[in-house]
Amino acid sequence: MCSGRQLAPAPGLADLDRLVATTAGAGVRVDVTTAAGRPDIPAAIDQSAFRIVQEALTNVVKHSGADCCQVTVGCDESDLCVEITDPGGHVRAAAAGNGTSHAGGTGHGIVGMRERVSLCGGQFAAGPLPGQGFRVAARFPLNGASR
């Protein structure tokens, strides 16, 4: 035993409420739509899906200028899908000061999300919406094989 401290379990989609509250505290309201009656989701996919939502919400807070966004979690017997969209919007003081945008950031968020989804055999897409806004979408196969 190293220090006797208990490690917290890795976060998953069950922790979305906490993430939404944190995001709201940063000035962005998050509307969440989830599918009822989800089948069992493998732990690695559950954690990866949560991390995709977490990173996408971080990007909304830091780069979009939006004061709200939408998170949709859908699931059937074969796939888990998460989608995060923001409408863009007025530029908040933090974004205005450094001229950042979704495409202009210096981090590795989208690359990291793409890699995370790929490791689970899924599909990933991220990009601007027509006119204004941004969309991040990930599909995770629950049977372990990508279509």
N, C-alpha and C. Protein backbone atom coordinates (compact mmCIF):
# COMPACT_ATOMS: atom_id res chain seq x y z
N MET A 1 0.83 -1.18 0.00
CA MET A 1 0.00 0.00 0.00
C MET A 1 0.87 1.24 0.00
N CYS A 2 0.54 2.12 -0.89
CA CYS A 2 1.32 3.35 -0.98
C CYS A 2 1.01 4.31 0.14
N SER A 3 -0.24 4.76 0.22
CA SER A 3 -0.56 5.77 1.23
C SER A 3 -1.85 5.46 1.97
N GLY A 4 -2.51 4.39 1.61
CA GLY A 4 -3.75 4.05 2.27
C GLY A 4 -4.95 4.84 1.76
N ARG A 5 -4.73 5.73 0.80
CA ARG A 5 -5.85 6.50 0.26
C ARG A 5 -6.60 5.66 -0.77
N GLN A 6 -7.90 5.82 -0.78
CA GLN A 6 -8.73 5.15 -1.76
C GLN A 6 -8.75 5.97 -3.04
N LEU A 7 -8.60 5.32 -4.17
CA LEU A 7 -8.72 6.02 -5.44
C LEU A 7 -10.20 6.06 -5.83
N ALA A 8 -10.61 7.21 -6.32
CA ALA A 8 -11.99 7.34 -6.78
C ALA A 8 -12.14 6.58 -8.09
N PRO A 9 -13.31 6.01 -8.32
CA PRO A 9 -13.52 5.32 -9.60
C PRO A 9 -13.44 6.34 -10.74
N ALA A 10 -13.05 5.87 -11.91
CA ALA A 10 -12.98 6.74 -13.08
C ALA A 10 -14.38 7.26 -13.40
N PRO A 11 -14.47 8.52 -13.80
CA PRO A 11 -15.80 9.06 -14.10
C PRO A 11 -16.39 8.42 -15.36
N GLY A 12 -17.69 8.40 -15.39
CA GLY A 12 -18.41 7.88 -16.55
C GLY A 12 -19.65 8.73 -16.79
N LEU A 13 -20.50 8.27 -17.68
CA LEU A 13 -21.69 9.05 -18.04
C LEU A 13 -22.62 9.29 -16.86
N ALA A 14 -22.55 8.47 -15.84
CA ALA A 14 -23.35 8.70 -14.63
C ALA A 14 -22.93 9.98 -13.92
N ASP A 15 -21.77 10.50 -14.25
CA ASP A 15 -21.25 11.72 -13.63
C ASP A 15 -21.54 12.98 -14.44
N LEU A 16 -22.40 12.88 -15.45
CA LEU A 16 -22.70 14.05 -16.29
C LEU A 16 -23.30 15.20 -15.49
N ASP A 17 -24.14 14.91 -14.50
CA ASP A 17 -24.76 15.99 -13.72
C ASP A 17 -23.70 16.87 -13.07
N ARG A 18 -22.67 16.26 -12.51
CA ARG A 18 -21.59 17.02 -11.88
C ARG A 18 -20.85 17.86 -12.91
N LEU A 19 -20.60 17.29 -14.08
CA LEU A 19 -19.91 18.01 -15.15
C LEU A 19 -20.76 19.18 -15.66
N VAL A 20 -22.06 18.97 -15.78
CA VAL A 20 -22.98 20.02 -16.21
C VAL A 20 -22.98 21.16 -15.20
N ALA A 21 -22.98 20.83 -13.92
CA ALA A 21 -22.96 21.85 -12.87
C ALA A 21 -21.66 22.66 -12.92
N THR A 22 -20.56 22.00 -13.13
CA THR A 22 -19.27 22.69 -13.24
C THR A 22 -19.26 23.63 -14.43
N THR A 23 -19.80 23.16 -15.55
CA THR A 23 -19.85 23.97 -16.77
C THR A 23 -20.77 25.17 -16.56
N ALA A 24 -21.89 24.96 -15.89
CA ALA A 24 -22.80 26.07 -15.59
C ALA A 24 -22.10 27.11 -14.71
N GLY A 25 -21.28 26.64 -13.78
CA GLY A 25 -20.51 27.54 -12.93
C GLY A 25 -19.53 28.39 -13.72
N ALA A 26 -19.15 27.91 -14.90
CA ALA A 26 -18.23 28.65 -15.77
C ALA A 26 -19.00 29.55 -16.75
N GLY A 27 -20.33 29.59 -16.62
CA GLY A 27 -21.13 30.50 -17.43
C GLY A 27 -21.79 29.91 -18.65
N VAL A 28 -21.78 28.58 -18.80
CA VAL A 28 -22.41 27.95 -19.96
C VAL A 28 -23.46 26.96 -19.48
N ARG A 29 -24.72 27.21 -19.84
CA ARG A 29 -25.81 26.29 -19.51
C ARG A 29 -25.73 25.10 -20.47
N VAL A 30 -25.88 23.91 -19.93
CA VAL A 30 -25.83 22.69 -20.72
C VAL A 30 -27.18 21.98 -20.64
N ASP A 31 -27.80 21.79 -21.79
CA ASP A 31 -29.03 21.00 -21.87
C ASP A 31 -28.64 19.59 -22.27
N VAL A 32 -29.04 18.62 -21.47
CA VAL A 32 -28.67 17.22 -21.70
C VAL A 32 -29.90 16.42 -22.06
N THR A 33 -29.78 15.65 -23.13
CA THR A 33 -30.81 14.70 -23.53
C THR A 33 -30.16 13.32 -23.51
N THR A 34 -30.75 12.40 -22.76
CA THR A 34 -30.20 11.05 -22.70
C THR A 34 -31.28 10.04 -23.04
N ALA A 35 -30.84 8.96 -23.64
CA ALA A 35 -31.76 7.87 -23.97
C ALA A 35 -32.07 7.08 -22.71
N ALA A 36 -33.30 6.72 -22.56
CA ALA A 36 -33.70 5.90 -21.43
C ALA A 36 -33.35 4.44 -21.70
N GLY A 37 -33.12 3.70 -20.64
CA GLY A 37 -32.92 2.26 -20.77
C GLY A 37 -31.66 1.86 -21.50
N ARG A 38 -30.56 2.51 -21.18
CA ARG A 38 -29.30 2.13 -21.82
C ARG A 38 -28.89 0.71 -21.44
N PRO A 39 -28.35 -0.03 -22.40
CA PRO A 39 -27.80 -1.35 -22.05
C PRO A 39 -26.51 -1.16 -21.27
N ASP A 40 -25.97 -2.24 -20.76
CA ASP A 40 -24.69 -2.15 -20.07
C ASP A 40 -23.64 -1.62 -21.04
N ILE A 41 -22.90 -0.63 -20.58
CA ILE A 41 -21.84 -0.03 -21.39
C ILE A 41 -20.51 -0.44 -20.79
N PRO A 42 -19.62 -1.01 -21.58
CA PRO A 42 -18.30 -1.38 -21.05
C PRO A 42 -17.62 -0.17 -20.40
N ALA A 43 -16.91 -0.42 -19.32
CA ALA A 43 -16.29 0.66 -18.53
C ALA A 43 -15.39 1.56 -19.38
N ALA A 44 -14.61 1.00 -20.27
CA ALA A 44 -13.69 1.81 -21.09
C ALA A 44 -14.46 2.76 -22.00
N ILE A 45 -15.57 2.29 -22.55
CA ILE A 45 -16.38 3.14 -23.43
C ILE A 45 -17.11 4.20 -22.60
N ASP A 46 -17.63 3.81 -21.46
CA ASP A 46 -18.32 4.75 -20.57
C ASP A 46 -17.38 5.90 -20.19
N GLN A 47 -16.16 5.56 -19.79
CA GLN A 47 -15.19 6.58 -19.41
C GLN A 47 -14.79 7.42 -20.61
N SER A 48 -14.56 6.80 -21.76
CA SER A 48 -14.18 7.55 -22.96
C SER A 48 -15.28 8.51 -23.39
N ALA A 49 -16.52 8.05 -23.35
CA ALA A 49 -17.64 8.92 -23.73
C ALA A 49 -17.72 10.12 -22.78
N PHE A 50 -17.54 9.88 -21.49
CA PHE A 50 -17.54 10.98 -20.53
C PHE A 50 -16.42 11.97 -20.85
N ARG A 51 -15.24 11.46 -21.15
CA ARG A 51 -14.09 12.34 -21.45
C ARG A 51 -14.32 13.15 -22.73
N ILE A 52 -15.01 12.58 -23.71
CA ILE A 52 -15.34 13.32 -24.93
C ILE A 52 -16.26 14.49 -24.57
N VAL A 53 -17.30 14.21 -23.79
CA VAL A 53 -18.21 15.28 -23.37
C VAL A 53 -17.45 16.32 -22.56
N GLN A 54 -16.61 15.87 -21.65
CA GLN A 54 -15.84 16.79 -20.80
C GLN A 54 -14.96 17.71 -21.64
N GLU A 55 -14.23 17.17 -22.57
CA GLU A 55 -13.34 17.98 -23.42
C GLU A 55 -14.14 18.92 -24.30
N ALA A 56 -15.23 18.43 -24.86
CA ALA A 56 -16.05 19.28 -25.72
C ALA A 56 -16.65 20.45 -24.92
N LEU A 57 -17.11 20.18 -23.70
CA LEU A 57 -17.64 21.26 -22.88
C LEU A 57 -16.56 22.25 -22.48
N THR A 58 -15.36 21.75 -22.23
CA THR A 58 -14.24 22.64 -21.95
C THR A 58 -13.99 23.55 -23.14
N ASN A 59 -14.06 23.00 -24.34
CA ASN A 59 -13.87 23.80 -25.54
C ASN A 59 -14.97 24.85 -25.70
N VAL A 60 -16.20 24.49 -25.38
CA VAL A 60 -17.30 25.46 -25.45
C VAL A 60 -17.01 26.62 -24.50
N VAL A 61 -16.64 26.30 -23.27
CA VAL A 61 -16.36 27.35 -22.27
C VAL A 61 -15.21 28.24 -22.72
N LYS A 62 -14.15 27.62 -23.20
CA LYS A 62 -12.94 28.38 -23.52
C LYS A 62 -12.99 29.10 -24.86
N HIS A 63 -13.69 28.54 -25.84
CA HIS A 63 -13.51 29.03 -27.21
C HIS A 63 -14.76 29.50 -27.94
N SER A 64 -15.94 29.04 -27.56
CA SER A 64 -17.09 29.28 -28.45
C SER A 64 -17.74 30.64 -28.28
N GLY A 65 -17.71 31.18 -27.09
CA GLY A 65 -18.45 32.40 -26.84
C GLY A 65 -19.93 32.14 -26.58
N ALA A 66 -20.36 30.90 -26.64
CA ALA A 66 -21.77 30.56 -26.40
C ALA A 66 -22.07 30.57 -24.91
N ASP A 67 -23.33 30.87 -24.58
CA ASP A 67 -23.73 30.79 -23.18
C ASP A 67 -24.57 29.55 -22.91
N CYS A 68 -24.73 28.70 -23.94
CA CYS A 68 -25.44 27.44 -23.77
C CYS A 68 -24.94 26.44 -24.80
N CYS A 69 -25.22 25.18 -24.55
CA CYS A 69 -24.89 24.13 -25.51
C CYS A 69 -25.78 22.93 -25.24
N GLN A 70 -25.73 21.97 -26.14
CA GLN A 70 -26.57 20.78 -26.07
C GLN A 70 -25.69 19.54 -26.04
N VAL A 71 -25.97 18.62 -25.12
CA VAL A 71 -25.32 17.31 -25.07
C VAL A 71 -26.41 16.27 -25.26
N THR A 72 -26.19 15.38 -26.22
CA THR A 72 -27.14 14.29 -26.47
C THR A 72 -26.39 12.97 -26.32
N VAL A 73 -26.96 12.08 -25.53
CA VAL A 73 -26.40 10.74 -25.35
C VAL A 73 -27.47 9.75 -25.81
N GLY A 74 -27.16 9.01 -26.86
CA GLY A 74 -28.08 8.03 -27.39
C GLY A 74 -27.46 6.65 -27.36
N CYS A 75 -28.29 5.65 -27.22
CA CYS A 75 -27.75 4.30 -27.12
C CYS A 75 -28.79 3.30 -27.60
N ASP A 76 -28.30 2.29 -28.30
CA ASP A 76 -29.13 1.14 -28.62
C ASP A 76 -28.31 -0.10 -28.34
N GLU A 77 -28.74 -1.24 -28.82
CA GLU A 77 -28.03 -2.49 -28.50
C GLU A 77 -26.62 -2.52 -29.08
N SER A 78 -26.37 -1.75 -30.14
CA SER A 78 -25.08 -1.87 -30.81
C SER A 78 -24.17 -0.66 -30.69
N ASP A 79 -24.70 0.52 -30.38
CA ASP A 79 -23.87 1.73 -30.38
C ASP A 79 -24.23 2.67 -29.24
N LEU A 80 -23.23 3.38 -28.77
CA LEU A 80 -23.40 4.51 -27.87
C LEU A 80 -22.95 5.73 -28.66
N CYS A 81 -23.80 6.75 -28.72
CA CYS A 81 -23.46 7.98 -29.46
C CYS A 81 -23.55 9.16 -28.52
N VAL A 82 -22.56 10.03 -28.60
CA VAL A 82 -22.61 11.30 -27.87
C VAL A 82 -22.40 12.42 -28.88
N GLU A 83 -23.15 13.49 -28.68
CA GLU A 83 -23.03 14.66 -29.55
C GLU A 83 -23.10 15.91 -28.69
N ILE A 84 -22.20 16.83 -28.95
CA ILE A 84 -22.17 18.09 -28.24
C ILE A 84 -22.19 19.19 -29.29
N THR A 85 -23.17 20.08 -29.19
CA THR A 85 -23.26 21.19 -30.14
C THR A 85 -23.38 22.49 -29.37
N ASP A 86 -22.79 23.52 -29.94
CA ASP A 86 -22.98 24.86 -29.40
C ASP A 86 -23.34 25.78 -30.56
N PRO A 87 -24.12 26.82 -30.26
CA PRO A 87 -24.54 27.72 -31.33
C PRO A 87 -23.54 28.82 -31.64
N GLY A 88 -22.36 28.77 -30.99
CA GLY A 88 -21.47 29.92 -31.11
C GLY A 88 -22.11 31.03 -30.31
N GLY A 89 -21.81 32.26 -30.59
CA GLY A 89 -22.51 33.32 -29.89
C GLY A 89 -21.64 34.52 -29.67
N HIS A 90 -22.10 35.32 -28.74
CA HIS A 90 -21.33 36.52 -28.42
C HIS A 90 -19.97 36.10 -27.89
N VAL A 91 -18.99 36.91 -28.11
CA VAL A 91 -17.64 36.58 -27.64
C VAL A 91 -17.49 37.11 -26.23
N ARG A 92 -17.25 36.20 -25.31
CA ARG A 92 -17.04 36.59 -23.93
C ARG A 92 -15.68 37.23 -23.77
N ALA A 93 -15.50 37.97 -22.71
CA ALA A 93 -14.27 38.72 -22.47
C ALA A 93 -13.04 37.81 -22.54
N ALA A 94 -13.12 36.62 -21.99
CA ALA A 94 -11.95 35.73 -21.98
C ALA A 94 -11.54 35.36 -23.40
N ALA A 95 -12.51 35.06 -24.25
CA ALA A 95 -12.17 34.69 -25.63
C ALA A 95 -11.77 35.91 -26.43
N ALA A 96 -12.40 37.05 -26.17
CA ALA A 96 -12.10 38.25 -26.93
C ALA A 96 -10.67 38.71 -26.69
N GLY A 97 -10.17 38.50 -25.49
CA GLY A 97 -8.84 38.98 -25.16
C GLY A 97 -7.72 38.27 -25.90
N ASN A 98 -7.92 37.03 -26.28
CA ASN A 98 -6.83 36.31 -26.94
C ASN A 98 -7.17 35.86 -28.35
N GLY A 99 -8.37 36.19 -28.84
CA GLY A 99 -8.72 35.87 -30.22
C GLY A 99 -8.86 34.39 -30.50
N THR A 100 -9.13 33.58 -29.49
CA THR A 100 -9.23 32.14 -29.73
C THR A 100 -10.57 31.79 -30.33
N SER A 101 -10.61 30.66 -30.99
CA SER A 101 -11.84 30.08 -31.51
C SER A 101 -11.65 28.58 -31.46
N HIS A 102 -12.66 27.83 -31.83
CA HIS A 102 -12.49 26.36 -31.84
C HIS A 102 -11.29 25.97 -32.70
N ALA A 103 -11.17 26.56 -33.84
CA ALA A 103 -10.11 26.16 -34.76
C ALA A 103 -8.77 26.80 -34.41
N GLY A 104 -8.79 27.87 -33.61
CA GLY A 104 -7.56 28.60 -33.37
C GLY A 104 -6.83 28.24 -32.11
N GLY A 105 -7.32 27.27 -31.35
CA GLY A 105 -6.67 26.91 -30.10
C GLY A 105 -5.33 26.24 -30.34
N THR A 106 -4.53 26.22 -29.29
CA THR A 106 -3.20 25.61 -29.42
C THR A 106 -3.13 24.24 -28.76
N GLY A 107 -4.23 23.78 -28.17
CA GLY A 107 -4.22 22.50 -27.47
C GLY A 107 -4.38 21.33 -28.42
N HIS A 108 -4.51 20.15 -27.84
CA HIS A 108 -4.64 18.92 -28.60
C HIS A 108 -5.98 18.25 -28.34
N GLY A 109 -6.98 19.05 -27.95
CA GLY A 109 -8.27 18.50 -27.54
C GLY A 109 -8.95 17.66 -28.58
N ILE A 110 -9.10 18.19 -29.79
CA ILE A 110 -9.82 17.43 -30.83
C ILE A 110 -9.01 16.22 -31.26
N VAL A 111 -7.71 16.37 -31.39
CA VAL A 111 -6.85 15.23 -31.74
C VAL A 111 -6.96 14.15 -30.66
N GLY A 112 -6.93 14.57 -29.41
CA GLY A 112 -7.05 13.62 -28.30
C GLY A 112 -8.39 12.92 -28.28
N MET A 113 -9.47 13.66 -28.57
CA MET A 113 -10.79 13.05 -28.62
C MET A 113 -10.85 12.02 -29.74
N ARG A 114 -10.32 12.38 -30.90
CA ARG A 114 -10.32 11.46 -32.05
C ARG A 114 -9.56 10.18 -31.69
N GLU A 115 -8.41 10.31 -31.05
CA GLU A 115 -7.61 9.13 -30.66
C GLU A 115 -8.35 8.28 -29.64
N ARG A 116 -8.99 8.94 -28.67
CA ARG A 116 -9.71 8.21 -27.62
C ARG A 116 -10.83 7.36 -28.24
N VAL A 117 -11.59 7.95 -29.17
CA VAL A 117 -12.69 7.23 -29.82
C VAL A 117 -12.14 6.10 -30.68
N SER A 118 -11.07 6.37 -31.39
CA SER A 118 -10.45 5.36 -32.25
C SER A 118 -9.98 4.15 -31.44
N LEU A 119 -9.42 4.38 -30.28
CA LEU A 119 -8.97 3.27 -29.43
C LEU A 119 -10.12 2.36 -29.01
N CYS A 120 -11.33 2.90 -29.00
CA CYS A 120 -12.52 2.10 -28.67
C CYS A 120 -13.19 1.53 -29.92
N GLY A 121 -12.57 1.72 -31.09
CA GLY A 121 -13.13 1.20 -32.33
C GLY A 121 -14.27 2.03 -32.89
N GLY A 122 -14.38 3.28 -32.43
CA GLY A 122 -15.50 4.11 -32.84
C GLY A 122 -15.19 5.08 -33.95
N GLN A 123 -16.15 5.96 -34.19
CA GLN A 123 -16.03 6.99 -35.21
C GLN A 123 -16.19 8.35 -34.55
N PHE A 124 -15.47 9.35 -35.06
CA PHE A 124 -15.45 10.68 -34.46
C PHE A 124 -15.54 11.73 -35.55
N ALA A 125 -16.25 12.79 -35.25
CA ALA A 125 -16.33 13.94 -36.16
C ALA A 125 -16.40 15.21 -35.32
N ALA A 126 -15.74 16.25 -35.78
CA ALA A 126 -15.80 17.55 -35.12
C ALA A 126 -15.61 18.62 -36.17
N GLY A 127 -16.40 19.67 -36.08
CA GLY A 127 -16.24 20.76 -37.02
C GLY A 127 -17.31 21.81 -36.86
N PRO A 128 -17.11 22.92 -37.57
CA PRO A 128 -18.07 24.01 -37.48
C PRO A 128 -19.41 23.63 -38.09
N LEU A 129 -20.45 24.21 -37.52
CA LEU A 129 -21.80 24.06 -38.07
C LEU A 129 -21.99 25.13 -39.15
N PRO A 130 -22.91 24.93 -40.07
CA PRO A 130 -23.17 25.95 -41.08
C PRO A 130 -23.55 27.28 -40.42
N GLY A 131 -22.91 28.33 -40.81
CA GLY A 131 -23.20 29.64 -40.26
C GLY A 131 -22.41 29.96 -39.01
N GLN A 132 -22.74 29.30 -37.93
CA GLN A 132 -22.08 29.58 -36.65
C GLN A 132 -22.28 28.39 -35.73
N GLY A 133 -21.33 28.14 -34.87
CA GLY A 133 -21.43 27.06 -33.90
C GLY A 133 -20.47 25.93 -34.23
N PHE A 134 -20.52 24.89 -33.42
CA PHE A 134 -19.58 23.78 -33.54
C PHE A 134 -20.25 22.51 -33.07
N ARG A 135 -19.84 21.38 -33.64
CA ARG A 135 -20.40 20.07 -33.29
C ARG A 135 -19.28 19.08 -33.08
N VAL A 136 -19.39 18.29 -32.01
CA VAL A 136 -18.51 17.16 -31.74
C VAL A 136 -19.41 15.94 -31.62
N ALA A 137 -19.09 14.87 -32.35
CA ALA A 137 -19.91 13.66 -32.29
C ALA A 137 -19.01 12.43 -32.25
N ALA A 138 -19.39 11.48 -31.41
CA ALA A 138 -18.65 10.22 -31.32
C ALA A 138 -19.64 9.07 -31.27
N ARG A 139 -19.28 8.00 -31.97
CA ARG A 139 -20.06 6.77 -31.94
C ARG A 139 -19.14 5.65 -31.49
N PHE A 140 -19.56 4.96 -30.44
CA PHE A 140 -18.78 3.85 -29.89
C PHE A 140 -19.55 2.56 -30.12
N PRO A 141 -18.96 1.59 -30.81
CA PRO A 141 -19.64 0.30 -30.96
C PRO A 141 -19.61 -0.47 -29.63
N LEU A 142 -20.75 -0.94 -29.22
CA LEU A 142 -20.82 -1.68 -27.95
C LEU A 142 -20.45 -3.14 -28.11
N ASN A 143 -20.38 -3.61 -29.35
CA ASN A 143 -20.00 -5.00 -29.57
C ASN A 143 -18.50 -5.15 -29.79
N GLY A 144 -17.76 -4.04 -29.69
CA GLY A 144 -16.30 -4.09 -29.79
C GLY A 144 -15.77 -4.01 -31.19
N ALA A 145 -16.61 -3.93 -32.20
CA ALA A 145 -16.14 -3.86 -33.58
C ALA A 145 -16.71 -2.63 -34.25
N SER A 146 -15.86 -1.93 -34.94
CA SER A 146 -16.29 -0.74 -35.68
C SER A 146 -16.97 -1.16 -36.98
N ARG A 147 -18.00 -0.40 -37.35
CA ARG A 147 -18.69 -0.68 -38.62
C ARG A 147 -18.11 0.15 -39.70
